[in-house]
Amino acid sequence: MTVDTYRKPTDLPETIAVFPLSGVLLFPRWSLPLNIFEPRYLNMIDDAMAGTRMIGMIQSNGDDRVHPSLVSTGCAGRITSYSETDDGRYLISLTGVCRFRVSQELNVETPYRQVHADWQPFAHDLVAPPDNSLPDRLNLVNSLKRYTQINSMEVDWEAVEHAPMETLINALCAGCPFGTVEKQALLEAQTVVDRAQVLITLLDMDVPGDDSSTLQ
């Protein structure tokens, strides 16, 4: 089975292992490289590779590193590349499939955590948005230029101008140094257009003299 074969929520598993990691976002059709080294997550990857090859990325709340509280929404991805290093780490790429709501965390004996996933609120993630439904590039680029200038950030503007819009939006959402709350707002935006608007709002909030942009 490949990422493209997931067509409806019933194609997805009812329960899923989760990897709590604040500040890290996975989106549908977005590829996330991960370096896995903790024993409990090495175990998780072993089990995923022997099963559905799917895990869920989700942000956590609080400072409890061992058992942090989970936010309500994450994104599941399929392991699409995998290699093992000489020192026992796993280098994987996770390709986003569909977001989910945590309906219940399960009592499990595995060292990693598992949840019952409700896919239905994000069933539309399983269908790529048509190009004509994507937001205008110019507004996003203008906000990005102001933001990066103020924050003295270097940008590959050729890539910004030519990357597919959904890829560009997801790359900026994942790569900009926003806080956990802001990143969660980007993840939970219903559509790619909504995500772009939240992104523009967040970029504009760091621009001095622009008091009109507030996160709704």
N, C-alpha and C. Protein backbone atom coordinates (compact mmCIF):
# COMPACT_ATOMS: atom_id res chain seq x y z
N MET A 1 0.85 -1.20 0.00
CA MET A 1 0.00 0.00 0.00
C MET A 1 0.88 1.25 0.00
N THR A 2 0.51 2.25 -0.79
CA THR A 2 1.23 3.52 -0.83
C THR A 2 0.34 4.62 -0.27
N VAL A 3 0.92 5.81 -0.12
CA VAL A 3 0.17 6.94 0.42
C VAL A 3 -1.08 7.23 -0.41
N ASP A 4 -0.97 7.09 -1.73
CA ASP A 4 -2.08 7.42 -2.63
C ASP A 4 -3.25 6.46 -2.52
N THR A 5 -3.06 5.31 -1.90
CA THR A 5 -4.15 4.33 -1.85
C THR A 5 -5.11 4.58 -0.69
N TYR A 6 -4.79 5.52 0.17
CA TYR A 6 -5.74 5.89 1.24
C TYR A 6 -6.76 6.86 0.64
N ARG A 7 -7.98 6.39 0.47
CA ARG A 7 -8.99 7.20 -0.21
C ARG A 7 -10.11 7.69 0.71
N LYS A 8 -10.34 6.97 1.80
CA LYS A 8 -11.44 7.31 2.72
C LYS A 8 -11.04 6.94 4.13
N PRO A 9 -11.70 7.53 5.14
CA PRO A 9 -11.29 7.27 6.53
C PRO A 9 -11.25 5.81 6.92
N THR A 10 -12.12 5.01 6.34
CA THR A 10 -12.13 3.58 6.69
C THR A 10 -10.91 2.83 6.17
N ASP A 11 -10.13 3.45 5.28
CA ASP A 11 -8.87 2.86 4.83
C ASP A 11 -7.77 3.02 5.88
N LEU A 12 -8.01 3.84 6.88
CA LEU A 12 -7.00 4.17 7.88
C LEU A 12 -7.22 3.36 9.16
N PRO A 13 -6.17 3.11 9.92
CA PRO A 13 -6.32 2.29 11.13
C PRO A 13 -7.10 3.04 12.22
N GLU A 14 -7.83 2.28 13.03
CA GLU A 14 -8.61 2.89 14.11
C GLU A 14 -7.71 3.37 15.24
N THR A 15 -6.60 2.69 15.47
CA THR A 15 -5.66 3.11 16.49
C THR A 15 -4.31 3.37 15.84
N ILE A 16 -3.55 4.27 16.46
CA ILE A 16 -2.27 4.65 15.87
C ILE A 16 -1.28 5.01 16.97
N ALA A 17 -0.03 4.60 16.77
CA ALA A 17 1.04 5.02 17.67
C ALA A 17 1.34 6.49 17.42
N VAL A 18 1.65 7.23 18.48
CA VAL A 18 1.91 8.65 18.32
C VAL A 18 3.30 9.00 18.83
N PHE A 19 3.88 9.99 18.17
CA PHE A 19 5.21 10.51 18.49
C PHE A 19 5.03 11.96 18.94
N PRO A 20 4.95 12.23 20.24
CA PRO A 20 4.77 13.61 20.71
C PRO A 20 6.06 14.41 20.52
N LEU A 21 5.97 15.51 19.80
CA LEU A 21 7.16 16.31 19.52
C LEU A 21 6.73 17.75 19.27
N SER A 22 6.93 18.61 20.26
CA SER A 22 6.51 20.00 20.13
C SER A 22 7.35 20.73 19.09
N GLY A 23 6.68 21.60 18.35
CA GLY A 23 7.37 22.42 17.35
C GLY A 23 7.57 21.74 16.02
N VAL A 24 7.16 20.48 15.90
CA VAL A 24 7.34 19.73 14.64
C VAL A 24 5.98 19.43 14.05
N LEU A 25 5.79 19.80 12.79
CA LEU A 25 4.51 19.63 12.13
C LEU A 25 4.63 18.69 10.94
N LEU A 26 3.60 17.88 10.78
CA LEU A 26 3.44 17.05 9.58
C LEU A 26 2.11 17.43 8.95
N PHE A 27 2.09 17.56 7.62
CA PHE A 27 0.88 17.88 6.89
C PHE A 27 0.63 16.81 5.83
N PRO A 28 -0.63 16.64 5.41
CA PRO A 28 -0.89 15.73 4.29
C PRO A 28 -0.06 16.12 3.07
N ARG A 29 0.52 15.10 2.43
CA ARG A 29 1.33 15.27 1.23
C ARG A 29 2.63 16.04 1.49
N TRP A 30 3.04 16.12 2.73
CA TRP A 30 4.28 16.79 3.11
C TRP A 30 5.22 15.75 3.70
N SER A 31 6.48 15.78 3.33
CA SER A 31 7.45 14.78 3.78
C SER A 31 8.29 15.35 4.92
N LEU A 32 8.39 14.59 6.00
CA LEU A 32 9.12 15.02 7.19
C LEU A 32 10.23 14.02 7.50
N PRO A 33 11.51 14.46 7.47
CA PRO A 33 12.60 13.56 7.86
C PRO A 33 12.71 13.50 9.38
N LEU A 34 12.96 12.33 9.92
CA LEU A 34 13.09 12.16 11.36
C LEU A 34 14.30 11.29 11.69
N ASN A 35 14.98 11.66 12.76
CA ASN A 35 16.11 10.91 13.29
C ASN A 35 15.64 10.26 14.59
N ILE A 36 15.45 8.96 14.58
CA ILE A 36 14.88 8.25 15.72
C ILE A 36 16.00 7.58 16.50
N PHE A 37 16.09 7.90 17.81
CA PHE A 37 17.16 7.31 18.61
C PHE A 37 16.72 6.83 19.99
N GLU A 38 15.62 7.35 20.53
CA GLU A 38 15.15 6.87 21.83
C GLU A 38 14.64 5.43 21.70
N PRO A 39 14.97 4.55 22.66
CA PRO A 39 14.56 3.14 22.56
C PRO A 39 13.06 2.94 22.37
N ARG A 40 12.22 3.72 23.07
CA ARG A 40 10.77 3.52 22.93
C ARG A 40 10.30 3.85 21.53
N TYR A 41 10.95 4.83 20.87
CA TYR A 41 10.53 5.18 19.52
C TYR A 41 11.18 4.30 18.46
N LEU A 42 12.35 3.75 18.78
CA LEU A 42 12.90 2.70 17.91
C LEU A 42 11.94 1.51 17.89
N ASN A 43 11.40 1.17 19.06
CA ASN A 43 10.42 0.09 19.16
C ASN A 43 9.17 0.44 18.36
N MET A 44 8.73 1.68 18.44
CA MET A 44 7.56 2.13 17.69
C MET A 44 7.77 1.96 16.19
N ILE A 45 8.94 2.35 15.71
CA ILE A 45 9.22 2.23 14.27
C ILE A 45 9.29 0.77 13.86
N ASP A 46 9.90 -0.07 14.71
CA ASP A 46 9.94 -1.51 14.41
C ASP A 46 8.52 -2.05 14.23
N ASP A 47 7.64 -1.70 15.16
CA ASP A 47 6.26 -2.21 15.09
C ASP A 47 5.51 -1.63 13.90
N ALA A 48 5.76 -0.34 13.61
CA ALA A 48 5.09 0.27 12.46
C ALA A 48 5.54 -0.38 11.15
N MET A 49 6.82 -0.66 11.03
CA MET A 49 7.34 -1.28 9.81
C MET A 49 6.79 -2.69 9.63
N ALA A 50 6.48 -3.35 10.74
CA ALA A 50 5.92 -4.70 10.66
C ALA A 50 4.41 -4.69 10.44
N GLY A 51 3.81 -3.49 10.52
CA GLY A 51 2.36 -3.39 10.39
C GLY A 51 1.95 -2.42 9.29
N THR A 52 1.28 -1.35 9.68
CA THR A 52 0.72 -0.41 8.71
C THR A 52 1.72 0.60 8.17
N ARG A 53 2.91 0.68 8.78
CA ARG A 53 3.94 1.68 8.46
C ARG A 53 3.47 3.10 8.77
N MET A 54 2.44 3.24 9.59
CA MET A 54 1.92 4.56 9.91
C MET A 54 2.14 4.90 11.38
N ILE A 55 2.51 6.17 11.63
CA ILE A 55 2.56 6.71 12.98
C ILE A 55 1.95 8.11 12.94
N GLY A 56 1.60 8.61 14.09
CA GLY A 56 1.02 9.94 14.17
C GLY A 56 1.97 10.92 14.82
N MET A 57 2.18 12.06 14.19
CA MET A 57 2.94 13.15 14.80
C MET A 57 1.96 14.05 15.53
N ILE A 58 2.30 14.42 16.75
CA ILE A 58 1.40 15.26 17.53
C ILE A 58 2.23 16.12 18.49
N GLN A 59 1.81 17.34 18.69
CA GLN A 59 2.50 18.21 19.63
C GLN A 59 2.07 17.89 21.06
N SER A 60 2.91 18.27 22.00
CA SER A 60 2.62 18.02 23.40
C SER A 60 2.56 19.32 24.17
N ASN A 61 1.89 19.27 25.31
CA ASN A 61 1.80 20.41 26.22
C ASN A 61 2.62 20.13 27.46
N GLY A 62 3.19 21.18 28.05
CA GLY A 62 3.88 21.02 29.32
C GLY A 62 5.32 20.58 29.17
N ASP A 63 5.98 20.45 30.31
CA ASP A 63 7.41 20.16 30.34
C ASP A 63 7.73 18.73 30.72
N ASP A 64 6.71 17.89 30.89
CA ASP A 64 6.95 16.49 31.25
C ASP A 64 7.45 15.75 30.02
N ARG A 65 8.75 15.50 29.97
CA ARG A 65 9.33 14.87 28.79
C ARG A 65 8.96 13.40 28.68
N VAL A 66 8.73 12.75 29.82
CA VAL A 66 8.45 11.31 29.81
C VAL A 66 7.02 11.03 29.36
N HIS A 67 6.08 11.80 29.90
CA HIS A 67 4.67 11.55 29.57
C HIS A 67 3.93 12.90 29.45
N PRO A 68 4.25 13.68 28.42
CA PRO A 68 3.60 14.99 28.27
C PRO A 68 2.14 14.83 27.86
N SER A 69 1.33 15.82 28.22
CA SER A 69 -0.05 15.81 27.74
C SER A 69 -0.06 16.10 26.25
N LEU A 70 -1.03 15.53 25.54
CA LEU A 70 -1.11 15.66 24.09
C LEU A 70 -2.15 16.70 23.71
N VAL A 71 -1.88 17.42 22.62
CA VAL A 71 -2.90 18.29 22.06
C VAL A 71 -3.97 17.41 21.39
N SER A 72 -5.04 18.03 20.97
CA SER A 72 -6.18 17.24 20.51
C SER A 72 -6.08 16.77 19.06
N THR A 73 -5.20 17.40 18.28
CA THR A 73 -5.14 17.10 16.83
C THR A 73 -3.71 16.87 16.40
N GLY A 74 -3.51 15.80 15.63
CA GLY A 74 -2.21 15.50 15.06
C GLY A 74 -2.36 15.14 13.59
N CYS A 75 -1.27 14.65 13.00
CA CYS A 75 -1.31 14.23 11.60
C CYS A 75 -0.57 12.91 11.46
N ALA A 76 -1.19 11.96 10.81
CA ALA A 76 -0.59 10.64 10.61
C ALA A 76 0.18 10.62 9.29
N GLY A 77 1.26 9.88 9.31
CA GLY A 77 2.05 9.73 8.10
C GLY A 77 2.51 8.30 7.92
N ARG A 78 2.85 7.97 6.70
CA ARG A 78 3.36 6.64 6.36
C ARG A 78 4.87 6.72 6.19
N ILE A 79 5.57 5.75 6.74
CA ILE A 79 7.02 5.70 6.59
C ILE A 79 7.33 5.33 5.14
N THR A 80 7.90 6.26 4.40
CA THR A 80 8.15 6.05 2.98
C THR A 80 9.63 5.87 2.65
N SER A 81 10.50 6.12 3.62
CA SER A 81 11.90 5.72 3.46
C SER A 81 12.45 5.40 4.85
N TYR A 82 13.42 4.50 4.87
CA TYR A 82 13.90 3.96 6.14
C TYR A 82 15.33 3.49 5.96
N SER A 83 16.18 3.88 6.91
CA SER A 83 17.54 3.32 6.93
C SER A 83 18.02 3.29 8.37
N GLU A 84 18.98 2.41 8.65
CA GLU A 84 19.52 2.25 9.99
C GLU A 84 20.99 2.62 9.97
N THR A 85 21.40 3.42 10.95
CA THR A 85 22.80 3.84 11.03
C THR A 85 23.62 2.83 11.81
N ASP A 86 24.95 2.98 11.73
CA ASP A 86 25.84 2.06 12.42
C ASP A 86 25.68 2.12 13.94
N ASP A 87 25.22 3.27 14.46
CA ASP A 87 25.07 3.40 15.91
C ASP A 87 23.63 3.10 16.36
N GLY A 88 22.82 2.50 15.48
CA GLY A 88 21.51 2.00 15.89
C GLY A 88 20.36 2.98 15.76
N ARG A 89 20.59 4.14 15.17
CA ARG A 89 19.50 5.09 14.94
C ARG A 89 18.75 4.72 13.66
N TYR A 90 17.52 5.19 13.57
CA TYR A 90 16.74 5.04 12.34
C TYR A 90 16.57 6.42 11.71
N LEU A 91 16.83 6.49 10.43
CA LEU A 91 16.57 7.70 9.66
C LEU A 91 15.39 7.41 8.75
N ILE A 92 14.30 8.09 8.98
CA ILE A 92 13.09 7.80 8.21
C ILE A 92 12.55 9.08 7.58
N SER A 93 11.74 8.89 6.56
CA SER A 93 10.91 9.97 6.03
C SER A 93 9.47 9.57 6.22
N LEU A 94 8.70 10.51 6.75
CA LEU A 94 7.29 10.28 7.02
C LEU A 94 6.49 11.16 6.07
N THR A 95 5.66 10.56 5.25
CA THR A 95 4.84 11.32 4.30
C THR A 95 3.43 11.44 4.87
N GLY A 96 2.98 12.69 5.04
CA GLY A 96 1.69 12.94 5.66
C GLY A 96 0.52 12.37 4.86
N VAL A 97 -0.43 11.77 5.57
CA VAL A 97 -1.60 11.17 4.94
C VAL A 97 -2.87 11.91 5.32
N CYS A 98 -3.13 12.03 6.62
CA CYS A 98 -4.40 12.62 7.06
C CYS A 98 -4.25 13.08 8.52
N ARG A 99 -4.85 14.21 8.83
CA ARG A 99 -4.91 14.65 10.23
C ARG A 99 -5.97 13.86 10.99
N PHE A 100 -5.87 13.89 12.30
CA PHE A 100 -6.82 13.14 13.14
C PHE A 100 -7.05 13.90 14.43
N ARG A 101 -8.20 13.61 15.03
CA ARG A 101 -8.47 14.06 16.39
C ARG A 101 -8.28 12.88 17.33
N VAL A 102 -7.70 13.16 18.48
CA VAL A 102 -7.53 12.11 19.49
C VAL A 102 -8.86 11.95 20.22
N SER A 103 -9.53 10.83 19.98
CA SER A 103 -10.78 10.59 20.68
C SER A 103 -10.55 9.91 22.02
N GLN A 104 -9.41 9.20 22.14
CA GLN A 104 -9.09 8.53 23.40
C GLN A 104 -7.65 8.06 23.36
N GLU A 105 -6.92 8.29 24.45
CA GLU A 105 -5.61 7.65 24.57
C GLU A 105 -5.80 6.27 25.19
N LEU A 106 -5.12 5.29 24.63
CA LEU A 106 -5.32 3.91 25.04
C LEU A 106 -4.35 3.50 26.15
N ASN A 107 -4.81 2.60 27.01
CA ASN A 107 -3.93 1.97 27.99
C ASN A 107 -3.21 0.81 27.31
N VAL A 108 -1.91 0.95 27.13
CA VAL A 108 -1.15 -0.04 26.36
C VAL A 108 0.08 -0.48 27.14
N GLU A 109 0.61 -1.61 26.74
CA GLU A 109 1.83 -2.12 27.36
C GLU A 109 3.07 -1.74 26.57
N THR A 110 2.89 -1.19 25.39
CA THR A 110 4.04 -0.76 24.61
C THR A 110 4.70 0.45 25.28
N PRO A 111 6.00 0.64 25.07
CA PRO A 111 6.69 1.78 25.68
C PRO A 111 6.29 3.12 25.05
N TYR A 112 5.72 3.06 23.87
CA TYR A 112 5.24 4.27 23.19
C TYR A 112 3.73 4.37 23.35
N ARG A 113 3.20 5.54 23.10
CA ARG A 113 1.78 5.80 23.34
C ARG A 113 0.94 5.55 22.08
N GLN A 114 -0.31 5.18 22.31
CA GLN A 114 -1.23 4.91 21.20
C GLN A 114 -2.57 5.59 21.50
N VAL A 115 -3.24 6.01 20.43
CA VAL A 115 -4.53 6.68 20.58
C VAL A 115 -5.54 6.09 19.61
N HIS A 116 -6.79 6.29 19.95
CA HIS A 116 -7.87 6.02 19.00
C HIS A 116 -8.04 7.28 18.17
N ALA A 117 -7.91 7.15 16.86
CA ALA A 117 -7.90 8.31 15.97
C ALA A 117 -9.25 8.49 15.29
N ASP A 118 -9.76 9.70 15.34
CA ASP A 118 -10.98 10.08 14.61
C ASP A 118 -10.54 10.82 13.36
N TRP A 119 -10.68 10.17 12.22
CA TRP A 119 -10.24 10.74 10.95
C TRP A 119 -11.30 11.60 10.29
N GLN A 120 -12.53 11.41 10.66
CA GLN A 120 -13.66 11.99 9.93
C GLN A 120 -13.59 13.51 9.79
N PRO A 121 -13.19 14.26 10.83
CA PRO A 121 -13.16 15.72 10.67
C PRO A 121 -12.22 16.20 9.57
N PHE A 122 -11.27 15.35 9.19
CA PHE A 122 -10.27 15.75 8.19
C PHE A 122 -10.26 14.80 6.99
N ALA A 123 -11.39 14.19 6.70
CA ALA A 123 -11.47 13.25 5.57
C ALA A 123 -11.05 13.90 4.26
N HIS A 124 -11.26 15.22 4.14
CA HIS A 124 -10.88 15.91 2.90
C HIS A 124 -9.37 15.93 2.69
N ASP A 125 -8.58 15.64 3.73
CA ASP A 125 -7.12 15.57 3.57
C ASP A 125 -6.71 14.49 2.57
N LEU A 126 -7.56 13.50 2.37
CA LEU A 126 -7.21 12.36 1.52
C LEU A 126 -7.32 12.67 0.04
N VAL A 127 -7.80 13.87 -0.28
CA VAL A 127 -7.90 14.31 -1.68
C VAL A 127 -7.10 15.60 -1.84
N ALA A 128 -6.15 15.60 -2.76
CA ALA A 128 -5.34 16.80 -2.98
C ALA A 128 -6.21 17.93 -3.52
N PRO A 129 -6.05 19.15 -3.00
CA PRO A 129 -6.87 20.26 -3.49
C PRO A 129 -6.51 20.60 -4.94
N PRO A 130 -7.51 20.93 -5.77
CA PRO A 130 -7.20 21.32 -7.15
C PRO A 130 -6.40 22.62 -7.18
N ASP A 131 -5.57 22.77 -8.19
CA ASP A 131 -4.70 23.95 -8.28
C ASP A 131 -5.49 25.26 -8.26
N ASN A 132 -6.68 25.26 -8.88
CA ASN A 132 -7.44 26.50 -8.96
C ASN A 132 -8.10 26.89 -7.64
N SER A 133 -7.98 26.02 -6.61
CA SER A 133 -8.55 26.35 -5.31
C SER A 133 -7.49 26.89 -4.35
N LEU A 134 -6.23 26.90 -4.77
CA LEU A 134 -5.14 27.31 -3.89
C LEU A 134 -5.04 28.83 -3.81
N PRO A 135 -4.49 29.35 -2.72
CA PRO A 135 -4.45 30.80 -2.54
C PRO A 135 -3.46 31.48 -3.47
N ASP A 136 -3.57 32.80 -3.53
CA ASP A 136 -2.70 33.60 -4.38
C ASP A 136 -1.28 33.64 -3.79
N ARG A 137 -0.29 33.42 -4.62
CA ARG A 137 1.10 33.39 -4.15
C ARG A 137 1.59 34.78 -3.74
N LEU A 138 1.13 35.82 -4.42
CA LEU A 138 1.68 37.16 -4.22
C LEU A 138 1.50 37.64 -2.78
N ASN A 139 0.31 37.45 -2.22
CA ASN A 139 0.06 37.91 -0.86
C ASN A 139 0.98 37.23 0.14
N LEU A 140 1.17 35.93 -0.04
CA LEU A 140 2.04 35.18 0.86
C LEU A 140 3.49 35.64 0.71
N VAL A 141 3.94 35.81 -0.51
CA VAL A 141 5.33 36.23 -0.75
C VAL A 141 5.58 37.61 -0.16
N ASN A 142 4.64 38.52 -0.32
CA ASN A 142 4.83 39.87 0.23
C ASN A 142 4.96 39.84 1.75
N SER A 143 4.10 39.05 2.41
CA SER A 143 4.19 38.94 3.87
C SER A 143 5.50 38.28 4.28
N LEU A 144 5.92 37.26 3.52
CA LEU A 144 7.17 36.57 3.84
C LEU A 144 8.37 37.51 3.68
N LYS A 145 8.36 38.34 2.67
CA LYS A 145 9.47 39.27 2.46
C LYS A 145 9.60 40.24 3.63
N ARG A 146 8.49 40.77 4.12
CA ARG A 146 8.55 41.69 5.26
C ARG A 146 9.03 40.96 6.50
N TYR A 147 8.52 39.75 6.72
CA TYR A 147 8.87 38.98 7.91
C TYR A 147 10.36 38.62 7.91
N THR A 148 10.87 38.14 6.79
CA THR A 148 12.26 37.71 6.75
C THR A 148 13.22 38.89 6.81
N GLN A 149 12.81 40.03 6.26
CA GLN A 149 13.66 41.22 6.34
C GLN A 149 13.80 41.68 7.78
N ILE A 150 12.68 41.74 8.50
CA ILE A 150 12.69 42.20 9.89
C ILE A 150 13.46 41.23 10.78
N ASN A 151 13.36 39.93 10.49
CA ASN A 151 14.01 38.92 11.31
C ASN A 151 15.37 38.48 10.77
N SER A 152 15.88 39.19 9.76
CA SER A 152 17.21 38.93 9.18
C SER A 152 17.38 37.46 8.81
N MET A 153 16.39 36.94 8.08
CA MET A 153 16.42 35.54 7.67
C MET A 153 16.73 35.44 6.18
N GLU A 154 17.52 34.45 5.82
CA GLU A 154 17.84 34.22 4.42
C GLU A 154 16.81 33.27 3.81
N VAL A 155 16.43 33.53 2.57
CA VAL A 155 15.40 32.74 1.90
C VAL A 155 15.84 32.45 0.47
N ASP A 156 15.56 31.26 0.00
CA ASP A 156 15.77 30.90 -1.41
C ASP A 156 14.54 31.39 -2.18
N TRP A 157 14.62 32.61 -2.69
CA TRP A 157 13.45 33.22 -3.31
C TRP A 157 13.06 32.55 -4.62
N GLU A 158 14.03 31.94 -5.29
CA GLU A 158 13.70 31.21 -6.53
C GLU A 158 12.80 30.02 -6.19
N ALA A 159 13.12 29.33 -5.08
CA ALA A 159 12.28 28.21 -4.66
C ALA A 159 10.91 28.70 -4.23
N VAL A 160 10.85 29.84 -3.55
CA VAL A 160 9.57 30.41 -3.12
C VAL A 160 8.70 30.73 -4.32
N GLU A 161 9.30 31.25 -5.36
CA GLU A 161 8.54 31.65 -6.54
C GLU A 161 8.05 30.47 -7.36
N HIS A 162 8.74 29.32 -7.30
CA HIS A 162 8.42 28.22 -8.21
C HIS A 162 7.89 26.97 -7.53
N ALA A 163 7.96 26.88 -6.22
CA ALA A 163 7.45 25.68 -5.54
C ALA A 163 5.94 25.59 -5.69
N PRO A 164 5.38 24.38 -5.80
CA PRO A 164 3.92 24.24 -5.78
C PRO A 164 3.35 24.90 -4.53
N MET A 165 2.18 25.52 -4.65
CA MET A 165 1.65 26.33 -3.55
C MET A 165 1.46 25.54 -2.27
N GLU A 166 0.89 24.35 -2.35
CA GLU A 166 0.67 23.58 -1.12
C GLU A 166 2.00 23.24 -0.48
N THR A 167 3.00 22.88 -1.28
CA THR A 167 4.33 22.57 -0.76
C THR A 167 4.93 23.79 -0.09
N LEU A 168 4.81 24.95 -0.73
CA LEU A 168 5.36 26.19 -0.18
C LEU A 168 4.71 26.53 1.16
N ILE A 169 3.39 26.45 1.22
CA ILE A 169 2.67 26.78 2.45
C ILE A 169 3.10 25.85 3.58
N ASN A 170 3.15 24.55 3.31
CA ASN A 170 3.54 23.60 4.34
C ASN A 170 4.98 23.79 4.77
N ALA A 171 5.88 24.08 3.83
CA ALA A 171 7.28 24.30 4.16
C ALA A 171 7.44 25.51 5.08
N LEU A 172 6.72 26.57 4.80
CA LEU A 172 6.81 27.77 5.63
C LEU A 172 6.19 27.54 7.00
N CYS A 173 5.05 26.84 7.04
CA CYS A 173 4.42 26.54 8.33
C CYS A 173 5.35 25.71 9.21
N ALA A 174 6.02 24.74 8.60
CA ALA A 174 6.90 23.86 9.36
C ALA A 174 8.21 24.53 9.72
N GLY A 175 8.69 25.44 8.86
CA GLY A 175 10.03 25.99 9.02
C GLY A 175 10.13 27.30 9.76
N CYS A 176 9.07 28.10 9.78
CA CYS A 176 9.14 29.39 10.46
C CYS A 176 9.15 29.17 11.97
N PRO A 177 9.89 30.01 12.71
CA PRO A 177 10.06 29.79 14.16
C PRO A 177 8.89 30.28 15.00
N PHE A 178 7.71 29.72 14.74
CA PHE A 178 6.53 30.06 15.52
C PHE A 178 6.49 29.20 16.78
N GLY A 179 5.69 29.62 17.77
CA GLY A 179 5.52 28.86 18.99
C GLY A 179 4.57 27.69 18.80
N THR A 180 4.45 26.87 19.84
CA THR A 180 3.60 25.67 19.78
C THR A 180 2.15 26.01 19.48
N VAL A 181 1.62 27.05 20.13
CA VAL A 181 0.22 27.42 19.93
C VAL A 181 -0.01 27.86 18.49
N GLU A 182 0.91 28.68 17.97
CA GLU A 182 0.76 29.15 16.59
C GLU A 182 0.88 28.00 15.60
N LYS A 183 1.81 27.09 15.85
CA LYS A 183 1.96 25.96 14.93
C LYS A 183 0.73 25.05 14.97
N GLN A 184 0.13 24.92 16.15
CA GLN A 184 -1.08 24.10 16.23
C GLN A 184 -2.22 24.75 15.46
N ALA A 185 -2.30 26.08 15.50
CA ALA A 185 -3.33 26.78 14.73
C ALA A 185 -3.13 26.53 13.24
N LEU A 186 -1.90 26.47 12.78
CA LEU A 186 -1.63 26.18 11.38
C LEU A 186 -2.05 24.76 11.02
N LEU A 187 -1.76 23.83 11.92
CA LEU A 187 -2.13 22.43 11.65
C LEU A 187 -3.64 22.25 11.60
N GLU A 188 -4.36 22.94 12.47
CA GLU A 188 -5.80 22.72 12.59
C GLU A 188 -6.62 23.53 11.59
N ALA A 189 -6.00 24.44 10.85
CA ALA A 189 -6.73 25.16 9.81
C ALA A 189 -7.37 24.16 8.85
N GLN A 190 -8.65 24.34 8.57
CA GLN A 190 -9.40 23.30 7.86
C GLN A 190 -8.86 23.00 6.47
N THR A 191 -8.58 24.02 5.68
CA THR A 191 -8.16 23.83 4.30
C THR A 191 -6.79 24.47 4.08
N VAL A 192 -6.20 24.18 2.92
CA VAL A 192 -4.92 24.80 2.58
C VAL A 192 -5.07 26.32 2.48
N VAL A 193 -6.19 26.77 1.96
CA VAL A 193 -6.44 28.21 1.88
C VAL A 193 -6.50 28.81 3.29
N ASP A 194 -7.20 28.15 4.20
CA ASP A 194 -7.26 28.62 5.58
C ASP A 194 -5.87 28.62 6.22
N ARG A 195 -5.09 27.59 5.94
CA ARG A 195 -3.74 27.51 6.50
C ARG A 195 -2.89 28.67 5.99
N ALA A 196 -3.02 28.99 4.71
CA ALA A 196 -2.26 30.10 4.16
C ALA A 196 -2.65 31.42 4.81
N GLN A 197 -3.94 31.60 5.09
CA GLN A 197 -4.38 32.84 5.71
C GLN A 197 -3.86 32.96 7.14
N VAL A 198 -3.89 31.85 7.89
CA VAL A 198 -3.33 31.86 9.24
C VAL A 198 -1.83 32.17 9.17
N LEU A 199 -1.14 31.56 8.20
CA LEU A 199 0.29 31.80 8.02
C LEU A 199 0.57 33.27 7.74
N ILE A 200 -0.19 33.86 6.83
CA ILE A 200 0.00 35.28 6.51
C ILE A 200 -0.23 36.14 7.74
N THR A 201 -1.27 35.82 8.51
CA THR A 201 -1.56 36.56 9.73
C THR A 201 -0.39 36.49 10.70
N LEU A 202 0.17 35.29 10.88
CA LEU A 202 1.30 35.13 11.80
C LEU A 202 2.53 35.87 11.31
N LEU A 203 2.78 35.82 10.01
CA LEU A 203 3.92 36.56 9.46
C LEU A 203 3.74 38.06 9.66
N ASP A 204 2.54 38.55 9.43
CA ASP A 204 2.28 39.99 9.54
C ASP A 204 2.30 40.47 10.99
N MET A 205 2.04 39.58 11.94
CA MET A 205 2.03 39.98 13.35
C MET A 205 3.41 40.42 13.82
N ASP A 206 4.47 40.00 13.14
CA ASP A 206 5.83 40.39 13.52
C ASP A 206 6.30 41.64 12.79
N VAL A 207 5.42 42.25 12.01
CA VAL A 207 5.79 43.45 11.25
C VAL A 207 5.42 44.69 12.06
N PRO A 208 6.38 45.52 12.47
CA PRO A 208 6.07 46.71 13.25
C PRO A 208 5.11 47.63 12.52
N GLY A 209 4.16 48.17 13.27
CA GLY A 209 3.22 49.13 12.68
C GLY A 209 2.00 48.48 12.07
N ASP A 210 1.97 47.13 12.01
CA ASP A 210 0.81 46.43 11.47
C ASP A 210 0.01 45.87 12.62
N ASP A 211 -0.93 46.64 13.13
CA ASP A 211 -1.75 46.22 14.26
C ASP A 211 -3.06 45.60 13.82
N SER A 212 -3.26 45.49 12.51
CA SER A 212 -4.55 45.00 12.01
C SER A 212 -4.64 43.49 11.98
N SER A 213 -3.48 42.81 12.05
CA SER A 213 -3.46 41.36 11.90
C SER A 213 -3.52 40.70 13.26
N THR A 214 -4.61 40.06 13.56
CA THR A 214 -4.75 39.31 14.80
C THR A 214 -5.27 37.93 14.49
N LEU A 215 -4.81 36.97 15.25
CA LEU A 215 -5.22 35.59 15.02
C LEU A 215 -6.60 35.37 15.59
N GLN A 216 -7.53 34.98 14.75
CA GLN A 216 -8.91 34.76 15.17
C GLN A 216 -9.06 33.35 15.73
